[in-house]
Amino acid sequence: MGTTTAANHTVNESQRGELMTRLFRQLQEVRFNELYYQTRSSVLRRWSIGSNIVAALSASLALAGLLKEGDLWGWGSAAWKILTLLAALSAAIGPVLGWEHRAAQLEKAALGYSIVRDRIRLLLQDLKLSDLNDEHLAREQEIEGFRCALAALDEPASEATKRRCWNRTLEELPSDKAWTIV
């Protein structure tokens, strides 16, 4: 092997290593985002289900009270008015705050990040098995474009949720296992 060829191979290996390191870090970030959006969506779905349950129970109790002429279980008519108000508020809060719509958006974001994660993982596997070439760089650019498109869905995260999601990400994709995990 000539000196020029050996130098080109060394540069190519260096670029390949830098790309793999950058992609692994992106893999961690994408997994974090996927976990974060799954968590947020789950919380919103639980809030929506909870408000629907409260609305249904309150409406049922209020109706039962009305059918018993306001004296069910010895509660006065004020209690039934409060239950009716609670039923109305619980039924209205989800649509007014848009919990279902927002949860659906967050689920789509989580799915998008899941797709990006799979593409990064495949690219890392290819890079482990072959030399760096233009196809790898083009795939990296495609992945980066997809990540940028998903960034529009990003929102400020609460510190507790960020910490939980990042810790889980590091459990699944520890930095010290970067070269063996994919």
N, C-alpha and C. Protein backbone atom coordinates (compact mmCIF):
# COMPACT_ATOMS: atom_id res chain seq x y z
N MET A 1 0.86 -1.17 0.00
CA MET A 1 0.00 0.00 0.00
C MET A 1 0.90 1.23 0.00
N GLY A 2 0.61 2.16 -0.89
CA GLY A 2 1.43 3.37 -1.00
C GLY A 2 1.16 4.33 0.13
N THR A 3 2.03 5.31 0.30
CA THR A 3 1.91 6.30 1.35
C THR A 3 0.64 7.12 1.20
N THR A 4 0.30 7.53 -0.01
CA THR A 4 -0.90 8.33 -0.25
C THR A 4 -2.15 7.53 0.06
N THR A 5 -2.16 6.28 -0.35
CA THR A 5 -3.32 5.42 -0.09
C THR A 5 -3.49 5.20 1.41
N ALA A 6 -2.39 4.98 2.12
CA ALA A 6 -2.46 4.78 3.58
C ALA A 6 -2.95 6.05 4.26
N ALA A 7 -2.50 7.21 3.80
CA ALA A 7 -2.94 8.48 4.40
C ALA A 7 -4.44 8.70 4.14
N ASN A 8 -4.90 8.39 2.92
CA ASN A 8 -6.33 8.53 2.60
C ASN A 8 -7.17 7.59 3.45
N HIS A 9 -6.67 6.36 3.65
CA HIS A 9 -7.40 5.39 4.47
C HIS A 9 -7.52 5.89 5.92
N THR A 10 -6.43 6.49 6.44
CA THR A 10 -6.42 7.02 7.80
C THR A 10 -7.41 8.17 7.94
N VAL A 11 -7.43 9.07 6.95
CA VAL A 11 -8.38 10.18 6.96
C VAL A 11 -9.80 9.66 6.88
N ASN A 12 -10.02 8.67 6.01
CA ASN A 12 -11.35 8.09 5.86
C ASN A 12 -11.81 7.44 7.17
N GLU A 13 -10.91 6.72 7.84
CA GLU A 13 -11.24 6.10 9.13
C GLU A 13 -11.53 7.15 10.19
N SER A 14 -10.78 8.23 10.17
CA SER A 14 -11.00 9.33 11.12
C SER A 14 -12.38 9.96 10.90
N GLN A 15 -12.72 10.22 9.64
CA GLN A 15 -14.03 10.80 9.33
C GLN A 15 -15.14 9.83 9.71
N ARG A 16 -14.92 8.56 9.46
CA ARG A 16 -15.91 7.53 9.80
C ARG A 16 -16.13 7.49 11.31
N GLY A 17 -15.04 7.55 12.07
CA GLY A 17 -15.15 7.55 13.53
C GLY A 17 -15.88 8.78 14.05
N GLU A 18 -15.56 9.94 13.47
CA GLU A 18 -16.25 11.18 13.87
C GLU A 18 -17.74 11.10 13.56
N LEU A 19 -18.06 10.58 12.38
CA LEU A 19 -19.46 10.45 11.98
C LEU A 19 -20.19 9.48 12.91
N MET A 20 -19.57 8.37 13.23
CA MET A 20 -20.21 7.38 14.11
C MET A 20 -20.42 7.95 15.51
N THR A 21 -19.45 8.71 16.00
CA THR A 21 -19.59 9.33 17.32
C THR A 21 -20.75 10.33 17.31
N ARG A 22 -20.80 11.16 16.27
CA ARG A 22 -21.87 12.15 16.15
C ARG A 22 -23.23 11.46 16.01
N LEU A 23 -23.29 10.40 15.22
CA LEU A 23 -24.55 9.68 15.04
C LEU A 23 -25.00 9.00 16.33
N PHE A 24 -24.06 8.47 17.10
CA PHE A 24 -24.44 7.84 18.36
C PHE A 24 -25.02 8.87 19.32
N ARG A 25 -24.42 10.03 19.37
CA ARG A 25 -24.95 11.10 20.22
C ARG A 25 -26.35 11.50 19.75
N GLN A 26 -26.54 11.59 18.44
CA GLN A 26 -27.86 11.90 17.89
C GLN A 26 -28.85 10.77 18.22
N LEU A 27 -28.38 9.53 18.21
CA LEU A 27 -29.23 8.39 18.56
C LEU A 27 -29.74 8.55 19.99
N GLN A 28 -28.85 8.97 20.89
CA GLN A 28 -29.26 9.21 22.27
C GLN A 28 -30.29 10.34 22.35
N GLU A 29 -30.04 11.44 21.64
CA GLU A 29 -30.97 12.58 21.67
C GLU A 29 -32.33 12.22 21.09
N VAL A 30 -32.32 11.46 20.01
CA VAL A 30 -33.57 11.06 19.37
C VAL A 30 -34.35 10.12 20.29
N ARG A 31 -33.66 9.19 20.95
CA ARG A 31 -34.33 8.29 21.89
C ARG A 31 -34.92 9.09 23.05
N PHE A 32 -34.18 10.07 23.54
CA PHE A 32 -34.70 10.95 24.60
C PHE A 32 -35.99 11.62 24.14
N ASN A 33 -35.98 12.20 22.94
CA ASN A 33 -37.18 12.87 22.43
C ASN A 33 -38.35 11.91 22.28
N GLU A 34 -38.06 10.72 21.79
CA GLU A 34 -39.12 9.71 21.65
C GLU A 34 -39.74 9.39 23.01
N LEU A 35 -38.89 9.14 24.01
CA LEU A 35 -39.39 8.85 25.36
C LEU A 35 -40.16 10.04 25.94
N TYR A 36 -39.63 11.23 25.73
CA TYR A 36 -40.28 12.42 26.27
C TYR A 36 -41.69 12.58 25.69
N TYR A 37 -41.83 12.46 24.38
CA TYR A 37 -43.14 12.65 23.76
C TYR A 37 -44.10 11.53 24.11
N GLN A 38 -43.60 10.32 24.27
CA GLN A 38 -44.46 9.23 24.73
C GLN A 38 -44.97 9.51 26.15
N THR A 39 -44.09 10.00 27.01
CA THR A 39 -44.47 10.30 28.39
C THR A 39 -45.51 11.42 28.44
N ARG A 40 -45.25 12.50 27.71
CA ARG A 40 -46.19 13.64 27.70
C ARG A 40 -47.55 13.23 27.15
N SER A 41 -47.56 12.45 26.10
CA SER A 41 -48.81 11.99 25.51
C SER A 41 -49.58 11.13 26.50
N SER A 42 -48.87 10.26 27.18
CA SER A 42 -49.49 9.38 28.17
C SER A 42 -50.12 10.19 29.31
N VAL A 43 -49.43 11.22 29.77
CA VAL A 43 -49.96 12.08 30.84
C VAL A 43 -51.23 12.78 30.37
N LEU A 44 -51.20 13.34 29.17
CA LEU A 44 -52.40 14.03 28.66
C LEU A 44 -53.56 13.08 28.47
N ARG A 45 -53.28 11.87 28.00
CA ARG A 45 -54.35 10.87 27.84
C ARG A 45 -54.96 10.52 29.21
N ARG A 46 -54.09 10.38 30.22
CA ARG A 46 -54.62 10.07 31.57
C ARG A 46 -55.47 11.21 32.10
N TRP A 47 -55.04 12.46 31.89
CA TRP A 47 -55.84 13.61 32.33
C TRP A 47 -57.19 13.61 31.61
N SER A 48 -57.19 13.33 30.35
CA SER A 48 -58.42 13.31 29.57
C SER A 48 -59.36 12.21 30.05
N ILE A 49 -58.82 11.03 30.26
CA ILE A 49 -59.62 9.91 30.76
C ILE A 49 -60.16 10.23 32.15
N GLY A 50 -59.32 10.80 33.00
CA GLY A 50 -59.76 11.18 34.35
C GLY A 50 -60.89 12.18 34.33
N SER A 51 -60.80 13.19 33.49
CA SER A 51 -61.88 14.18 33.43
C SER A 51 -63.15 13.56 32.86
N ASN A 52 -63.02 12.62 31.93
CA ASN A 52 -64.21 11.93 31.40
C ASN A 52 -64.87 11.06 32.47
N ILE A 53 -64.07 10.40 33.29
CA ILE A 53 -64.62 9.59 34.37
C ILE A 53 -65.34 10.46 35.39
N VAL A 54 -64.71 11.57 35.78
CA VAL A 54 -65.34 12.49 36.73
C VAL A 54 -66.65 13.03 36.15
N ALA A 55 -66.64 13.38 34.88
CA ALA A 55 -67.86 13.90 34.23
C ALA A 55 -68.96 12.85 34.24
N ALA A 56 -68.62 11.62 33.89
CA ALA A 56 -69.63 10.56 33.84
C ALA A 56 -70.19 10.25 35.23
N LEU A 57 -69.32 10.14 36.22
CA LEU A 57 -69.79 9.86 37.58
C LEU A 57 -70.63 11.00 38.14
N SER A 58 -70.17 12.22 37.95
CA SER A 58 -70.92 13.37 38.46
C SER A 58 -72.28 13.49 37.79
N ALA A 59 -72.30 13.29 36.48
CA ALA A 59 -73.58 13.37 35.76
C ALA A 59 -74.52 12.26 36.21
N SER A 60 -73.98 11.07 36.41
CA SER A 60 -74.82 9.95 36.85
C SER A 60 -75.38 10.20 38.25
N LEU A 61 -74.55 10.69 39.15
CA LEU A 61 -75.02 10.98 40.50
C LEU A 61 -76.05 12.12 40.50
N ALA A 62 -75.80 13.13 39.71
CA ALA A 62 -76.74 14.25 39.63
C ALA A 62 -78.08 13.77 39.07
N LEU A 63 -78.03 12.94 38.04
CA LEU A 63 -79.27 12.41 37.46
C LEU A 63 -80.01 11.53 38.47
N ALA A 64 -79.26 10.70 39.19
CA ALA A 64 -79.88 9.86 40.21
C ALA A 64 -80.54 10.72 41.28
N GLY A 65 -79.89 11.81 41.64
CA GLY A 65 -80.47 12.72 42.64
C GLY A 65 -81.73 13.38 42.13
N LEU A 66 -81.72 13.77 40.89
CA LEU A 66 -82.93 14.39 40.31
C LEU A 66 -84.08 13.40 40.25
N LEU A 67 -83.79 12.15 39.92
CA LEU A 67 -84.84 11.14 39.83
C LEU A 67 -85.40 10.81 41.21
N LYS A 68 -84.61 10.96 42.24
CA LYS A 68 -85.07 10.72 43.61
C LYS A 68 -85.56 12.01 44.25
N GLU A 69 -85.79 13.03 43.45
CA GLU A 69 -86.29 14.33 43.89
C GLU A 69 -85.35 15.03 44.85
N GLY A 70 -84.07 14.91 44.62
CA GLY A 70 -83.08 15.70 45.36
C GLY A 70 -82.76 15.19 46.74
N ASP A 71 -83.20 14.00 47.13
CA ASP A 71 -82.95 13.53 48.49
C ASP A 71 -82.24 12.18 48.51
N LEU A 72 -81.42 11.92 47.55
CA LEU A 72 -80.68 10.66 47.51
C LEU A 72 -79.55 10.73 48.52
N TRP A 73 -79.43 9.72 49.37
CA TRP A 73 -78.41 9.60 50.42
C TRP A 73 -78.42 10.77 51.39
N GLY A 74 -79.49 11.48 51.47
CA GLY A 74 -79.61 12.58 52.42
C GLY A 74 -78.88 13.84 52.03
N TRP A 75 -78.40 13.93 50.81
CA TRP A 75 -77.73 15.13 50.36
C TRP A 75 -78.77 16.13 49.93
N GLY A 76 -78.53 17.38 50.17
CA GLY A 76 -79.46 18.43 49.78
C GLY A 76 -79.32 18.78 48.31
N SER A 77 -80.19 19.69 47.87
CA SER A 77 -80.18 20.08 46.46
C SER A 77 -78.90 20.83 46.07
N ALA A 78 -78.23 21.49 47.03
CA ALA A 78 -76.98 22.18 46.74
C ALA A 78 -75.91 21.18 46.29
N ALA A 79 -75.89 20.02 46.93
CA ALA A 79 -74.91 19.00 46.55
C ALA A 79 -75.13 18.55 45.12
N TRP A 80 -76.40 18.44 44.73
CA TRP A 80 -76.69 17.99 43.36
C TRP A 80 -76.34 19.07 42.34
N LYS A 81 -76.50 20.31 42.73
CA LYS A 81 -76.10 21.40 41.84
C LYS A 81 -74.58 21.41 41.65
N ILE A 82 -73.88 21.15 42.73
CA ILE A 82 -72.41 21.10 42.66
C ILE A 82 -71.98 19.93 41.77
N LEU A 83 -72.64 18.77 41.94
CA LEU A 83 -72.31 17.62 41.09
C LEU A 83 -72.59 17.90 39.62
N THR A 84 -73.69 18.58 39.34
CA THR A 84 -74.03 18.93 37.96
C THR A 84 -72.98 19.88 37.39
N LEU A 85 -72.57 20.87 38.19
CA LEU A 85 -71.54 21.80 37.75
C LEU A 85 -70.21 21.07 37.52
N LEU A 86 -69.87 20.16 38.43
CA LEU A 86 -68.65 19.38 38.28
C LEU A 86 -68.69 18.53 37.01
N ALA A 87 -69.85 17.94 36.73
CA ALA A 87 -69.99 17.13 35.50
C ALA A 87 -69.79 18.00 34.27
N ALA A 88 -70.39 19.18 34.27
CA ALA A 88 -70.26 20.07 33.11
C ALA A 88 -68.82 20.53 32.93
N LEU A 89 -68.17 20.92 34.02
CA LEU A 89 -66.78 21.37 33.93
C LEU A 89 -65.85 20.25 33.48
N SER A 90 -66.04 19.08 34.04
CA SER A 90 -65.19 17.94 33.67
C SER A 90 -65.37 17.55 32.21
N ALA A 91 -66.60 17.64 31.73
CA ALA A 91 -66.86 17.29 30.34
C ALA A 91 -66.26 18.34 29.39
N ALA A 92 -66.21 19.59 29.83
CA ALA A 92 -65.75 20.67 28.95
C ALA A 92 -64.24 20.89 29.00
N ILE A 93 -63.59 20.52 30.09
CA ILE A 93 -62.18 20.89 30.26
C ILE A 93 -61.26 20.25 29.22
N GLY A 94 -61.49 18.97 28.90
CA GLY A 94 -60.65 18.29 27.91
C GLY A 94 -60.70 18.95 26.54
N PRO A 95 -61.89 19.15 25.98
CA PRO A 95 -61.95 19.81 24.66
C PRO A 95 -61.45 21.26 24.68
N VAL A 96 -61.74 21.98 25.76
CA VAL A 96 -61.30 23.37 25.83
C VAL A 96 -59.77 23.46 25.87
N LEU A 97 -59.15 22.60 26.65
CA LEU A 97 -57.69 22.61 26.75
C LEU A 97 -57.02 21.82 25.62
N GLY A 98 -57.80 21.09 24.84
CA GLY A 98 -57.27 20.37 23.69
C GLY A 98 -56.37 19.19 24.04
N TRP A 99 -56.68 18.50 25.12
CA TRP A 99 -55.82 17.40 25.56
C TRP A 99 -55.73 16.29 24.53
N GLU A 100 -56.84 15.87 23.97
CA GLU A 100 -56.83 14.77 22.99
C GLU A 100 -56.03 15.15 21.75
N HIS A 101 -56.26 16.36 21.25
CA HIS A 101 -55.54 16.82 20.06
C HIS A 101 -54.04 16.91 20.33
N ARG A 102 -53.69 17.47 21.47
CA ARG A 102 -52.27 17.61 21.81
C ARG A 102 -51.62 16.24 22.02
N ALA A 103 -52.34 15.33 22.66
CA ALA A 103 -51.81 13.98 22.86
C ALA A 103 -51.56 13.30 21.52
N ALA A 104 -52.47 13.49 20.57
CA ALA A 104 -52.28 12.91 19.23
C ALA A 104 -51.05 13.51 18.55
N GLN A 105 -50.84 14.81 18.69
CA GLN A 105 -49.65 15.45 18.11
C GLN A 105 -48.37 14.88 18.74
N LEU A 106 -48.39 14.71 20.04
CA LEU A 106 -47.22 14.19 20.73
C LEU A 106 -46.93 12.75 20.33
N GLU A 107 -47.97 11.96 20.10
CA GLU A 107 -47.78 10.58 19.65
C GLU A 107 -47.17 10.56 18.25
N LYS A 108 -47.58 11.49 17.40
CA LYS A 108 -47.00 11.58 16.06
C LYS A 108 -45.53 11.98 16.15
N ALA A 109 -45.21 12.89 17.05
CA ALA A 109 -43.81 13.29 17.24
C ALA A 109 -42.99 12.10 17.72
N ALA A 110 -43.52 11.34 18.67
CA ALA A 110 -42.81 10.16 19.18
C ALA A 110 -42.58 9.15 18.05
N LEU A 111 -43.59 8.97 17.20
CA LEU A 111 -43.44 8.06 16.07
C LEU A 111 -42.36 8.56 15.11
N GLY A 112 -42.36 9.85 14.83
CA GLY A 112 -41.34 10.43 13.96
C GLY A 112 -39.95 10.21 14.51
N TYR A 113 -39.77 10.43 15.81
CA TYR A 113 -38.46 10.23 16.41
C TYR A 113 -38.09 8.74 16.43
N SER A 114 -39.07 7.87 16.53
CA SER A 114 -38.82 6.44 16.45
C SER A 114 -38.28 6.05 15.07
N ILE A 115 -38.85 6.64 14.04
CA ILE A 115 -38.38 6.38 12.68
C ILE A 115 -36.95 6.88 12.51
N VAL A 116 -36.68 8.08 13.01
CA VAL A 116 -35.31 8.63 12.93
C VAL A 116 -34.34 7.74 13.68
N ARG A 117 -34.75 7.26 14.85
CA ARG A 117 -33.88 6.38 15.66
C ARG A 117 -33.53 5.11 14.87
N ASP A 118 -34.52 4.53 14.22
CA ASP A 118 -34.26 3.32 13.43
C ASP A 118 -33.31 3.60 12.26
N ARG A 119 -33.49 4.75 11.62
CA ARG A 119 -32.61 5.10 10.49
C ARG A 119 -31.18 5.35 10.95
N ILE A 120 -31.03 6.01 12.09
CA ILE A 120 -29.68 6.24 12.62
C ILE A 120 -29.03 4.91 12.98
N ARG A 121 -29.79 4.04 13.62
CA ARG A 121 -29.26 2.73 14.01
C ARG A 121 -28.79 1.93 12.78
N LEU A 122 -29.61 1.95 11.72
CA LEU A 122 -29.23 1.25 10.50
C LEU A 122 -27.96 1.85 9.88
N LEU A 123 -27.87 3.16 9.88
CA LEU A 123 -26.68 3.82 9.33
C LEU A 123 -25.45 3.47 10.16
N LEU A 124 -25.59 3.45 11.47
CA LEU A 124 -24.46 3.07 12.33
C LEU A 124 -24.03 1.62 12.07
N GLN A 125 -24.99 0.73 11.89
CA GLN A 125 -24.66 -0.66 11.59
C GLN A 125 -23.90 -0.76 10.26
N ASP A 126 -24.36 -0.02 9.25
CA ASP A 126 -23.67 -0.03 7.97
C ASP A 126 -22.24 0.51 8.10
N LEU A 127 -22.09 1.58 8.87
CA LEU A 127 -20.76 2.19 9.05
C LEU A 127 -19.80 1.25 9.79
N LYS A 128 -20.34 0.44 10.69
CA LYS A 128 -19.49 -0.52 11.40
C LYS A 128 -18.94 -1.58 10.46
N LEU A 129 -19.71 -1.89 9.42
CA LEU A 129 -19.35 -3.00 8.54
C LEU A 129 -18.63 -2.57 7.25
N SER A 130 -18.65 -1.28 6.94
CA SER A 130 -18.07 -0.85 5.67
C SER A 130 -17.34 0.48 5.83
N ASP A 131 -16.59 0.80 4.80
CA ASP A 131 -15.88 2.08 4.79
C ASP A 131 -16.86 3.21 4.50
N LEU A 132 -16.48 4.39 4.93
CA LEU A 132 -17.28 5.59 4.71
C LEU A 132 -17.33 5.90 3.21
N ASN A 133 -18.53 6.19 2.72
CA ASN A 133 -18.65 6.60 1.32
C ASN A 133 -19.74 7.67 1.21
N ASP A 134 -19.96 8.16 0.00
CA ASP A 134 -20.91 9.26 -0.22
C ASP A 134 -22.34 8.87 0.15
N GLU A 135 -22.68 7.60 -0.01
CA GLU A 135 -24.03 7.15 0.34
C GLU A 135 -24.30 7.35 1.84
N HIS A 136 -23.30 7.05 2.66
CA HIS A 136 -23.45 7.23 4.10
C HIS A 136 -23.68 8.70 4.44
N LEU A 137 -22.92 9.56 3.80
CA LEU A 137 -23.06 11.00 4.06
C LEU A 137 -24.42 11.52 3.60
N ALA A 138 -24.90 11.01 2.47
CA ALA A 138 -26.22 11.41 1.98
C ALA A 138 -27.31 10.94 2.93
N ARG A 139 -27.17 9.73 3.44
CA ARG A 139 -28.16 9.22 4.41
C ARG A 139 -28.14 10.05 5.69
N GLU A 140 -26.95 10.45 6.11
CA GLU A 140 -26.86 11.30 7.31
C GLU A 140 -27.59 12.62 7.08
N GLN A 141 -27.42 13.22 5.90
CA GLN A 141 -28.10 14.48 5.59
C GLN A 141 -29.62 14.29 5.55
N GLU A 142 -30.07 13.18 5.02
CA GLU A 142 -31.51 12.88 4.99
C GLU A 142 -32.07 12.77 6.41
N ILE A 143 -31.34 12.07 7.26
CA ILE A 143 -31.76 11.92 8.66
C ILE A 143 -31.79 13.27 9.35
N GLU A 144 -30.78 14.09 9.11
CA GLU A 144 -30.72 15.41 9.73
C GLU A 144 -31.89 16.28 9.28
N GLY A 145 -32.26 16.18 8.00
CA GLY A 145 -33.42 16.93 7.50
C GLY A 145 -34.70 16.50 8.19
N PHE A 146 -34.85 15.21 8.41
CA PHE A 146 -36.03 14.68 9.09
C PHE A 146 -36.05 15.16 10.54
N ARG A 147 -34.89 15.15 11.20
CA ARG A 147 -34.80 15.65 12.58
C ARG A 147 -35.18 17.12 12.66
N CYS A 148 -34.72 17.91 11.70
CA CYS A 148 -35.05 19.34 11.68
C CYS A 148 -36.55 19.56 11.51
N ALA A 149 -37.18 18.75 10.70
CA ALA A 149 -38.63 18.86 10.51
C ALA A 149 -39.37 18.55 11.80
N LEU A 150 -38.88 17.58 12.56
CA LEU A 150 -39.52 17.22 13.82
C LEU A 150 -39.28 18.27 14.90
N ALA A 151 -38.23 19.05 14.77
CA ALA A 151 -37.90 20.07 15.78
C ALA A 151 -39.03 21.08 15.93
N ALA A 152 -39.85 21.25 14.90
CA ALA A 152 -40.97 22.19 15.00
C ALA A 152 -41.97 21.75 16.07
N LEU A 153 -41.98 20.47 16.41
CA LEU A 153 -42.91 19.97 17.42
C LEU A 153 -42.35 20.06 18.83
N ASP A 154 -41.09 20.44 18.94
CA ASP A 154 -40.44 20.48 20.26
C ASP A 154 -41.11 21.50 21.16
N GLU A 155 -41.07 21.21 22.44
CA GLU A 155 -41.64 22.09 23.46
C GLU A 155 -40.71 22.09 24.66
N PRO A 156 -40.79 23.12 25.48
CA PRO A 156 -39.95 23.13 26.69
C PRO A 156 -40.35 21.97 27.61
N ALA A 157 -39.37 21.26 28.09
CA ALA A 157 -39.64 20.09 28.93
C ALA A 157 -39.51 20.45 30.41
N SER A 158 -40.32 19.79 31.23
CA SER A 158 -40.17 19.96 32.67
C SER A 158 -38.89 19.25 33.10
N GLU A 159 -38.25 19.78 34.11
CA GLU A 159 -36.97 19.22 34.55
C GLU A 159 -37.11 17.78 35.03
N ALA A 160 -38.18 17.47 35.75
CA ALA A 160 -38.35 16.10 36.26
C ALA A 160 -38.54 15.11 35.11
N THR A 161 -39.34 15.48 34.14
CA THR A 161 -39.56 14.60 32.99
C THR A 161 -38.28 14.46 32.18
N LYS A 162 -37.56 15.57 31.99
CA LYS A 162 -36.29 15.51 31.26
C LYS A 162 -35.32 14.56 31.95
N ARG A 163 -35.22 14.68 33.24
CA ARG A 163 -34.28 13.85 33.99
C ARG A 163 -34.64 12.36 33.87
N ARG A 164 -35.94 12.05 34.05
CA ARG A 164 -36.38 10.65 33.94
C ARG A 164 -36.10 10.08 32.54
N CYS A 165 -36.45 10.84 31.52
CA CYS A 165 -36.27 10.37 30.14
C CYS A 165 -34.79 10.24 29.79
N TRP A 166 -33.97 11.20 30.23
CA TRP A 166 -32.54 11.14 29.91
C TRP A 166 -31.89 9.97 30.63
N ASN A 167 -32.27 9.72 31.89
CA ASN A 167 -31.71 8.59 32.63
C ASN A 167 -32.07 7.27 31.95
N ARG A 168 -33.30 7.15 31.50
CA ARG A 168 -33.72 5.94 30.79
C ARG A 168 -32.96 5.80 29.47
N THR A 169 -32.74 6.92 28.78
CA THR A 169 -31.98 6.89 27.54
C THR A 169 -30.57 6.38 27.79
N LEU A 170 -29.93 6.87 28.85
CA LEU A 170 -28.56 6.43 29.15
C LEU A 170 -28.51 4.98 29.61
N GLU A 171 -29.60 4.49 30.20
CA GLU A 171 -29.66 3.07 30.54
C GLU A 171 -29.72 2.22 29.27
N GLU A 172 -30.52 2.67 28.29
CA GLU A 172 -30.67 1.92 27.05
C GLU A 172 -29.48 2.08 26.11
N LEU A 173 -28.91 3.29 26.09
CA LEU A 173 -27.81 3.60 25.16
C LEU A 173 -26.66 4.26 25.92
N PRO A 174 -25.97 3.51 26.78
CA PRO A 174 -24.87 4.12 27.55
C PRO A 174 -23.71 4.53 26.63
N SER A 175 -23.15 5.67 26.91
CA SER A 175 -22.07 6.22 26.08
C SER A 175 -20.86 5.30 26.02
N ASP A 176 -20.56 4.60 27.10
CA ASP A 176 -19.39 3.73 27.10
C ASP A 176 -19.58 2.47 26.26
N LYS A 177 -20.80 2.23 25.79
CA LYS A 177 -21.07 1.07 24.94
C LYS A 177 -21.36 1.49 23.50
N ALA A 178 -20.98 2.71 23.14
CA ALA A 178 -21.33 3.26 21.83
C ALA A 178 -20.91 2.38 20.67
N TRP A 179 -19.77 1.72 20.76
CA TRP A 179 -19.27 0.95 19.61
C TRP A 179 -19.79 -0.48 19.61
N THR A 180 -20.38 -0.92 20.68
CA THR A 180 -20.85 -2.31 20.73
C THR A 180 -22.36 -2.44 20.72
N ILE A 181 -23.08 -1.35 20.96
CA ILE A 181 -24.52 -1.42 21.13
C ILE A 181 -25.28 -1.57 19.82
N VAL A 182 -24.72 -1.05 18.74
CA VAL A 182 -25.40 -1.15 17.44
C VAL A 182 -24.80 -2.24 16.60
